[in-house]
Structure formats: structure tokens, C-alpha cells
Amino acid sequence: MSRFQVIHIKEYTRDEFVKVTIEQLDVEPDFARFIGEQVWDRKNHNVRDCVRISSMCQTEEDVARYLRLGGGGGGALAVA
């Protein structure tokens, strides 16, 4: 018998993901929204990656460059 119980939680919708991102990041809401949308659109639905990106990037251009170079999520966000 396992000490851990598995709980299945429904995945966020895009709007929910962006809302959670805005609530969790300590940046301007428009910048948080941009990060959340960019991460979601790259098929990565992990808010932790949004937190990481917000701590390393200061502008939307920084975010785009970071994602273009494959940052955020072990390559899951890499853009060709």
C-alpha cells in the first residue's frame, strides 16, 4: 500500500492559466499576461515556467528571446 494518494486534477483552460499566472507573478499584469500567453501557446502549461521566466526577463523582447533560445521547461518551449 502506497503512502501517497494520486489525485487527478482537471487541466487549466488557457484563460484560467493566464489568470493564475497574473495572480502568481510579482510583475505588471500586462507583462504577466504576455508571459502566460507565450508559455501556453508553446504547449507548456506549467506556471512554474512563468515564474522562472518572470524572474529572468524584464521586457517582452527578453521573454521572446528567451523562448526563441529554448528556455523554459527543458526545451519544451523551444521555437524553431
PDB file of N, CA and C in Angstrom:
ATOM      1  N   MET A   1       0.847  -1.184   0.000  1.00  0.00           N
ATOM      2  CA  MET A   1       0.000   0.000   0.000  1.00  0.00           C
ATOM      3  C   MET A   1       0.892   1.247   0.000  1.00  0.00           C
ATOM      4  N   SER A   2       0.582   2.165  -0.859  1.00  0.00           N
ATOM      5  CA  SER A   2       1.365   3.380  -1.002  1.00  0.00           C
ATOM      6  C   SER A   2       0.990   4.401   0.064  1.00  0.00           C
ATOM      7  N   ARG A   3       1.984   5.201   0.454  1.00  0.00           N
ATOM      8  CA  ARG A   3       1.720   6.290   1.402  1.00  0.00           C
ATOM      9  C   ARG A   3       1.130   7.501   0.707  1.00  0.00           C
ATOM     10  N   PHE A   4       1.158   7.500  -0.603  1.00  0.00           N
ATOM     11  CA  PHE A   4       0.705   8.658  -1.361  1.00  0.00           C
ATOM     12  C   PHE A   4      -0.589   8.340  -2.095  1.00  0.00           C
ATOM     13  N   GLN A   5      -1.451   9.311  -2.144  1.00  0.00           N
ATOM     14  CA  GLN A   5      -2.690   9.170  -2.879  1.00  0.00           C
ATOM     15  C   GLN A   5      -2.599   9.982  -4.159  1.00  0.00           C
ATOM     16  N   VAL A   6      -2.963   9.380  -5.262  1.00  0.00           N
ATOM     17  CA  VAL A   6      -2.938  10.060  -6.537  1.00  0.00           C
ATOM     18  C   VAL A   6      -4.253  10.815  -6.709  1.00  0.00           C
ATOM     19  N   ILE A   7      -4.134  12.097  -7.015  1.00  0.00           N
ATOM     20  CA  ILE A   7      -5.305  12.927  -7.244  1.00  0.00           C
ATOM     21  C   ILE A   7      -5.201  13.486  -8.663  1.00  0.00           C
ATOM     22  N   HIS A   8      -6.214  13.262  -9.446  1.00  0.00           N
ATOM     23  CA  HIS A   8      -6.240  13.778 -10.821  1.00  0.00           C
ATOM     24  C   HIS A   8      -6.999  15.092 -10.827  1.00  0.00           C
ATOM     25  N   ILE A   9      -6.346  16.127 -11.321  1.00  0.00           N
ATOM     26  CA  ILE A   9      -6.933  17.466 -11.365  1.00  0.00           C
ATOM     27  C   ILE A   9      -7.096  17.867 -12.826  1.00  0.00           C
ATOM     28  N   LYS A  10      -8.248  18.428 -13.130  1.00  0.00           N
ATOM     29  CA  LYS A  10      -8.516  18.875 -14.495  1.00  0.00           C
ATOM     30  C   LYS A  10      -7.513  19.960 -14.890  1.00  0.00           C
ATOM     31  N   GLU A  11      -6.994  19.865 -16.103  1.00  0.00           N
ATOM     32  CA  GLU A  11      -6.030  20.847 -16.600  1.00  0.00           C
ATOM     33  C   GLU A  11      -6.701  22.206 -16.790  1.00  0.00           C
ATOM     34  N   TYR A  12      -5.907  23.261 -16.560  1.00  0.00           N
ATOM     35  CA  TYR A  12      -6.403  24.617 -16.784  1.00  0.00           C
ATOM     36  C   TYR A  12      -6.826  24.819 -18.230  1.00  0.00           C
ATOM     37  N   THR A  13      -7.785  25.711 -18.424  1.00  0.00           N
ATOM     38  CA  THR A  13      -8.036  26.243 -19.764  1.00  0.00           C
ATOM     39  C   THR A  13      -6.996  27.346 -19.987  1.00  0.00           C
ATOM     40  N   ARG A  14      -6.904  27.844 -21.201  1.00  0.00           N
ATOM     41  CA  ARG A  14      -5.943  28.924 -21.488  1.00  0.00           C
ATOM     42  C   ARG A  14      -6.245  30.141 -20.624  1.00  0.00           C
ATOM     43  N   ASP A  15      -7.519  30.527 -20.549  1.00  0.00           N
ATOM     44  CA  ASP A  15      -7.892  31.700 -19.749  1.00  0.00           C
ATOM     45  C   ASP A  15      -7.569  31.505 -18.268  1.00  0.00           C
ATOM     46  N   GLU A  16      -7.825  30.307 -17.744  1.00  0.00           N
ATOM     47  CA  GLU A  16      -7.504  30.028 -16.337  1.00  0.00           C
ATOM     48  C   GLU A  16      -6.006  30.094 -16.106  1.00  0.00           C
ATOM     49  N   PHE A  17      -5.239  29.527 -17.044  1.00  0.00           N
ATOM     50  CA  PHE A  17      -3.788  29.528 -16.921  1.00  0.00           C
ATOM     51  C   PHE A  17      -3.245  30.954 -16.876  1.00  0.00           C
ATOM     52  N   VAL A  18      -3.731  31.796 -17.768  1.00  0.00           N
ATOM     53  CA  VAL A  18      -3.275  33.190 -17.804  1.00  0.00           C
ATOM     54  C   VAL A  18      -3.680  33.902 -16.517  1.00  0.00           C
ATOM     55  N   LYS A  19      -4.890  33.665 -16.031  1.00  0.00           N
ATOM     56  CA  LYS A  19      -5.352  34.291 -14.788  1.00  0.00           C
ATOM     57  C   LYS A  19      -4.472  33.875 -13.605  1.00  0.00           C
ATOM     58  N   VAL A  20      -4.155  32.595 -13.498  1.00  0.00           N
ATOM     59  CA  VAL A  20      -3.285  32.114 -12.415  1.00  0.00           C
ATOM     60  C   VAL A  20      -1.900  32.736 -12.545  1.00  0.00           C
ATOM     61  N   THR A  21      -1.398  32.825 -13.765  1.00  0.00           N
ATOM     62  CA  THR A  21      -0.089  33.436 -13.995  1.00  0.00           C
ATOM     63  C   THR A  21      -0.083  34.882 -13.509  1.00  0.00           C
ATOM     64  N   ILE A  22      -1.111  35.637 -13.855  1.00  0.00           N
ATOM     65  CA  ILE A  22      -1.198  37.042 -13.431  1.00  0.00           C
ATOM     66  C   ILE A  22      -1.215  37.132 -11.908  1.00  0.00           C
ATOM     67  N   GLU A  23      -1.955  36.229 -11.265  1.00  0.00           N
ATOM     68  CA  GLU A  23      -2.059  36.246  -9.803  1.00  0.00           C
ATOM     69  C   GLU A  23      -0.754  35.847  -9.117  1.00  0.00           C
ATOM     70  N   GLN A  24       0.028  34.981  -9.742  1.00  0.00           N
ATOM     71  CA  GLN A  24       1.228  34.445  -9.104  1.00  0.00           C
ATOM     72  C   GLN A  24       2.485  35.286  -9.318  1.00  0.00           C
ATOM     73  N   LEU A  25       2.543  36.015 -10.418  1.00  0.00           N
ATOM     74  CA  LEU A  25       3.767  36.749 -10.721  1.00  0.00           C
ATOM     75  C   LEU A  25       3.753  38.121 -10.068  1.00  0.00           C
ATOM     76  N   ASP A  26       4.906  38.536  -9.599  1.00  0.00           N
ATOM     77  CA  ASP A  26       5.055  39.853  -8.965  1.00  0.00           C
ATOM     78  C   ASP A  26       5.575  40.851  -9.996  1.00  0.00           C
ATOM     79  N   VAL A  27       4.812  40.973 -11.091  1.00  0.00           N
ATOM     80  CA  VAL A  27       5.141  41.912 -12.166  1.00  0.00           C
ATOM     81  C   VAL A  27       3.847  42.584 -12.598  1.00  0.00           C
ATOM     82  N   GLU A  28       3.953  43.565 -13.483  1.00  0.00           N
ATOM     83  CA  GLU A  28       2.771  44.248 -14.002  1.00  0.00           C
ATOM     84  C   GLU A  28       1.834  43.222 -14.650  1.00  0.00           C
ATOM     85  N   PRO A  29       0.524  43.378 -14.453  1.00  0.00           N
ATOM     86  CA  PRO A  29      -0.427  42.408 -15.010  1.00  0.00           C
ATOM     87  C   PRO A  29      -0.311  42.202 -16.522  1.00  0.00           C
ATOM     88  N   ASP A  30      -0.055  43.253 -17.280  1.00  0.00           N
ATOM     89  CA  ASP A  30       0.081  43.093 -18.735  1.00  0.00           C
ATOM     90  C   ASP A  30       1.296  42.249 -19.098  1.00  0.00           C
ATOM     91  N   PHE A  31       2.383  42.420 -18.347  1.00  0.00           N
ATOM     92  CA  PHE A  31       3.591  41.628 -18.589  1.00  0.00           C
ATOM     93  C   PHE A  31       3.347  40.172 -18.187  1.00  0.00           C
ATOM     94  N   ALA A  32       2.677  39.959 -17.065  1.00  0.00           N
ATOM     95  CA  ALA A  32       2.347  38.600 -16.623  1.00  0.00           C
ATOM     96  C   ALA A  32       1.440  37.917 -17.652  1.00  0.00           C
ATOM     97  N   ARG A  33       0.464  38.664 -18.174  1.00  0.00           N
ATOM     98  CA  ARG A  33      -0.427  38.110 -19.198  1.00  0.00           C
ATOM     99  C   ARG A  33       0.377  37.698 -20.425  1.00  0.00           C
ATOM    100  N   PHE A  34       1.309  38.539 -20.854  1.00  0.00           N
ATOM    101  CA  PHE A  34       2.142  38.226 -22.014  1.00  0.00           C
ATOM    102  C   PHE A  34       2.931  36.938 -21.770  1.00  0.00           C
ATOM    103  N   ILE A  35       3.540  36.824 -20.614  1.00  0.00           N
ATOM    104  CA  ILE A  35       4.310  35.612 -20.291  1.00  0.00           C
ATOM    105  C   ILE A  35       3.396  34.392 -20.315  1.00  0.00           C
ATOM    106  N   GLY A  36       2.258  34.483 -19.633  1.00  0.00           N
ATOM    107  CA  GLY A  36       1.334  33.354 -19.584  1.00  0.00           C
ATOM    108  C   GLY A  36       0.868  32.922 -20.965  1.00  0.00           C
ATOM    109  N   GLU A  37       0.538  33.877 -21.798  1.00  0.00           N
ATOM    110  CA  GLU A  37       0.080  33.559 -23.146  1.00  0.00           C
ATOM    111  C   GLU A  37       1.189  32.919 -23.978  1.00  0.00           C
ATOM    112  N   GLN A  38       2.392  33.458 -23.868  1.00  0.00           N
ATOM    113  CA  GLN A  38       3.515  32.906 -24.631  1.00  0.00           C
ATOM    114  C   GLN A  38       3.831  31.480 -24.206  1.00  0.00           C
ATOM    115  N   VAL A  39       3.833  31.239 -22.909  1.00  0.00           N
ATOM    116  CA  VAL A  39       4.120  29.890 -22.399  1.00  0.00           C
ATOM    117  C   VAL A  39       3.024  28.929 -22.839  1.00  0.00           C
ATOM    118  N   TRP A  40       1.768  29.304 -22.656  1.00  0.00           N
ATOM    119  CA  TRP A  40       0.654  28.430 -23.033  1.00  0.00           C
ATOM    120  C   TRP A  40       0.689  28.119 -24.532  1.00  0.00           C
ATOM    121  N   ASP A  41       0.932  29.130 -25.343  1.00  0.00           N
ATOM    122  CA  ASP A  41       0.907  28.943 -26.791  1.00  0.00           C
ATOM    123  C   ASP A  41       2.021  28.034 -27.283  1.00  0.00           C
ATOM    124  N   ARG A  42       2.998  27.790 -26.451  1.00  0.00           N
ATOM    125  CA  ARG A  42       4.082  26.873 -26.809  1.00  0.00           C
ATOM    126  C   ARG A  42       3.853  25.495 -26.213  1.00  0.00           C
ATOM    127  N   LYS A  43       2.593  25.219 -25.886  1.00  0.00           N
ATOM    128  CA  LYS A  43       2.160  23.903 -25.399  1.00  0.00           C
ATOM    129  C   LYS A  43       2.772  23.528 -24.059  1.00  0.00           C
ATOM    130  N   ASN A  44       3.145  24.533 -23.290  1.00  0.00           N
ATOM    131  CA  ASN A  44       3.667  24.299 -21.946  1.00  0.00           C
ATOM    132  C   ASN A  44       2.657  24.898 -20.984  1.00  0.00           C
ATOM    133  N   HIS A  45       2.117  24.083 -20.104  1.00  0.00           N
ATOM    134  CA  HIS A  45       1.065  24.550 -19.213  1.00  0.00           C
ATOM    135  C   HIS A  45       1.539  24.507 -17.764  1.00  0.00           C
ATOM    136  N   ASN A  46       2.766  24.914 -17.532  1.00  0.00           N
ATOM    137  CA  ASN A  46       3.366  24.881 -16.204  1.00  0.00           C
ATOM    138  C   ASN A  46       3.625  26.313 -15.723  1.00  0.00           C
ATOM    139  N   VAL A  47       2.872  26.722 -14.705  1.00  0.00           N
ATOM    140  CA  VAL A  47       3.002  28.077 -14.166  1.00  0.00           C
ATOM    141  C   VAL A  47       4.405  28.301 -13.602  1.00  0.00           C
ATOM    142  N   ARG A  48       5.058  27.247 -13.158  1.00  0.00           N
ATOM    143  CA  ARG A  48       6.427  27.403 -12.625  1.00  0.00           C
ATOM    144  C   ARG A  48       7.370  27.970 -13.679  1.00  0.00           C
ATOM    145  N   ASP A  49       7.150  27.603 -14.937  1.00  0.00           N
ATOM    146  CA  ASP A  49       7.984  28.171 -16.004  1.00  0.00           C
ATOM    147  C   ASP A  49       7.714  29.659 -16.159  1.00  0.00           C
ATOM    148  N   CYS A  50       6.474  30.071 -15.953  1.00  0.00           N
ATOM    149  CA  CYS A  50       6.154  31.508 -15.998  1.00  0.00           C
ATOM    150  C   CYS A  50       6.883  32.246 -14.884  1.00  0.00           C
ATOM    151  N   VAL A  51       6.919  31.648 -13.703  1.00  0.00           N
ATOM    152  CA  VAL A  51       7.623  32.262 -12.569  1.00  0.00           C
ATOM    153  C   VAL A  51       9.105  32.400 -12.899  1.00  0.00           C
ATOM    154  N   ARG A  52       9.690  31.354 -13.437  1.00  0.00           N
ATOM    155  CA  ARG A  52      11.114  31.372 -13.789  1.00  0.00           C
ATOM    156  C   ARG A  52      11.403  32.455 -14.832  1.00  0.00           C
ATOM    157  N   ILE A  53      10.563  32.514 -15.851  1.00  0.00           N
ATOM    158  CA  ILE A  53      10.760  33.496 -16.913  1.00  0.00           C
ATOM    159  C   ILE A  53      10.636  34.911 -16.370  1.00  0.00           C
ATOM    160  N   SER A  54       9.650  35.141 -15.499  1.00  0.00           N
ATOM    161  CA  SER A  54       9.456  36.496 -14.963  1.00  0.00           C
ATOM    162  C   SER A  54      10.630  36.939 -14.106  1.00  0.00           C
ATOM    163  N   SER A  55      11.336  35.990 -13.504  1.00  0.00           N
ATOM    164  CA  SER A  55      12.477  36.368 -12.668  1.00  0.00           C
ATOM    165  C   SER A  55      13.727  36.673 -13.501  1.00  0.00           C
ATOM    166  N   MET A  56      13.740  36.217 -14.756  1.00  0.00           N
ATOM    167  CA  MET A  56      14.919  36.402 -15.592  1.00  0.00           C
ATOM    168  C   MET A  56      14.738  37.453 -16.681  1.00  0.00           C
ATOM    169  N   CYS A  57      13.497  37.807 -16.982  1.00  0.00           N
ATOM    170  CA  CYS A  57      13.226  38.700 -18.107  1.00  0.00           C
ATOM    171  C   CYS A  57      12.564  39.979 -17.615  1.00  0.00           C
ATOM    172  N   GLN A  58      12.963  41.091 -18.198  1.00  0.00           N
ATOM    173  CA  GLN A  58      12.423  42.392 -17.811  1.00  0.00           C
ATOM    174  C   GLN A  58      11.448  42.973 -18.826  1.00  0.00           C
ATOM    175  N   THR A  59      11.510  42.513 -20.072  1.00  0.00           N
ATOM    176  CA  THR A  59      10.669  43.069 -21.133  1.00  0.00           C
ATOM    177  C   THR A  59      10.078  41.935 -21.967  1.00  0.00           C
ATOM    178  N   GLU A  60       9.076  42.272 -22.778  1.00  0.00           N
ATOM    179  CA  GLU A  60       8.503  41.283 -23.682  1.00  0.00           C
ATOM    180  C   GLU A  60       9.547  40.782 -24.672  1.00  0.00           C
ATOM    181  N   GLU A  61      10.443  41.669 -25.091  1.00  0.00           N
ATOM    182  CA  GLU A  61      11.513  41.264 -26.006  1.00  0.00           C
ATOM    183  C   GLU A  61      12.429  40.235 -25.338  1.00  0.00           C
ATOM    184  N   ASP A  62      12.716  40.430 -24.043  1.00  0.00           N
ATOM    185  CA  ASP A  62      13.525  39.455 -23.302  1.00  0.00           C
ATOM    186  C   ASP A  62      12.842  38.091 -23.282  1.00  0.00           C
ATOM    187  N   VAL A  63      11.535  38.105 -23.045  1.00  0.00           N
ATOM    188  CA  VAL A  63      10.766  36.852 -22.993  1.00  0.00           C
ATOM    189  C   VAL A  63      10.829  36.154 -24.343  1.00  0.00           C
ATOM    190  N   ALA A  64      10.579  36.900 -25.416  1.00  0.00           N
ATOM    191  CA  ALA A  64      10.602  36.318 -26.754  1.00  0.00           C
ATOM    192  C   ALA A  64      11.974  35.731 -27.072  1.00  0.00           C
ATOM    193  N   ARG A  65      13.027  36.458 -26.718  1.00  0.00           N
ATOM    194  CA  ARG A  65      14.388  35.978 -26.971  1.00  0.00           C
ATOM    195  C   ARG A  65      14.665  34.712 -26.164  1.00  0.00           C
ATOM    196  N   TYR A  66      14.279  34.724 -24.901  1.00  0.00           N
ATOM    197  CA  TYR A  66      14.488  33.564 -24.028  1.00  0.00           C
ATOM    198  C   TYR A  66      13.781  32.330 -24.593  1.00  0.00           C
ATOM    199  N   LEU A  67      12.544  32.501 -25.009  1.00  0.00           N
ATOM    200  CA  LEU A  67      11.795  31.375 -25.550  1.00  0.00           C
ATOM    201  C   LEU A  67      12.345  30.927 -26.897  1.00  0.00           C
ATOM    202  N   ARG A  68      12.779  31.870 -27.704  1.00  0.00           N
ATOM    203  CA  ARG A  68      13.359  31.540 -29.004  1.00  0.00           C
ATOM    204  C   ARG A  68      14.628  30.702 -28.839  1.00  0.00           C
ATOM    205  N   LEU A  69      15.359  30.960 -27.753  1.00  0.00           N
ATOM    206  CA  LEU A  69      16.600  30.233 -27.495  1.00  0.00           C
ATOM    207  C   LEU A  69      16.343  28.907 -26.779  1.00  0.00           C
ATOM    208  N   GLY A  70      15.067  28.583 -26.539  1.00  0.00           N
ATOM    209  CA  GLY A  70      14.737  27.272 -25.969  1.00  0.00           C
ATOM    210  C   GLY A  70      14.631  27.253 -24.476  1.00  0.00           C
ATOM    211  N   GLY A  71      14.559  28.412 -23.831  1.00  0.00           N
ATOM    212  CA  GLY A  71      14.448  28.436 -22.378  1.00  0.00           C
ATOM    213  C   GLY A  71      13.060  28.089 -21.909  1.00  0.00           C
ATOM    214  N   GLY A  72      12.980  27.715 -20.635  1.00  0.00           N
ATOM    215  CA  GLY A  72      11.697  27.466 -20.003  1.00  0.00           C
ATOM    216  C   GLY A  72      11.156  26.081 -20.236  1.00  0.00           C
ATOM    217  N   GLY A  73      11.427  25.178 -19.361  1.00  0.00           N
ATOM    218  CA  GLY A  73      10.811  23.871 -19.437  1.00  0.00           C
ATOM    219  C   GLY A  73      11.631  22.803 -20.121  1.00  0.00           C
ATOM    220  N   GLY A  74      12.931  22.889 -20.023  1.00  0.00           N
ATOM    221  CA  GLY A  74      13.769  21.826 -20.541  1.00  0.00           C
ATOM    222  C   GLY A  74      13.627  21.588 -22.033  1.00  0.00           C
ATOM    223  N   GLY A  75      13.408  22.680 -22.769  1.00  0.00           N
ATOM    224  CA  GLY A  75      13.284  22.556 -24.214  1.00  0.00           C
ATOM    225  C   GLY A  75      11.844  22.460 -24.692  1.00  0.00           C
ATOM    226  N   ALA A  76      10.902  22.280 -23.769  1.00  0.00           N
ATOM    227  CA  ALA A  76       9.503  22.154 -24.162  1.00  0.00           C
ATOM    228  C   ALA A  76       8.989  23.418 -24.819  1.00  0.00           C
ATOM    229  N   LEU A  77       9.650  24.542 -24.559  1.00  0.00           N
ATOM    230  CA  LEU A  77       9.209  25.797 -25.127  1.00  0.00           C
ATOM    231  C   LEU A  77      10.027  26.226 -26.336  1.00  0.00           C
ATOM    232  N   ALA A  78      10.924  25.387 -26.769  1.00  0.00           N
ATOM    233  CA  ALA A  78      11.799  25.766 -27.872  1.00  0.00           C
ATOM    234  C   ALA A  78      10.993  26.097 -29.111  1.00  0.00           C
ATOM    235  N   VAL A  79      11.419  27.130 -29.791  1.00  0.00           N
ATOM    236  CA  VAL A  79      10.747  27.581 -31.004  1.00  0.00           C
ATOM    237  C   VAL A  79      11.704  27.385 -32.168  1.00  0.00           C
ATOM    238  N   ALA A  80      11.228  26.813 -33.240  1.00  0.00           N
ATOM    239  CA  ALA A  80      12.077  26.565 -34.417  1.00  0.00           C
ATOM    240  C   ALA A  80      12.374  27.856 -35.146  1.00  0.00           C
TER     241      ALA A  80
END
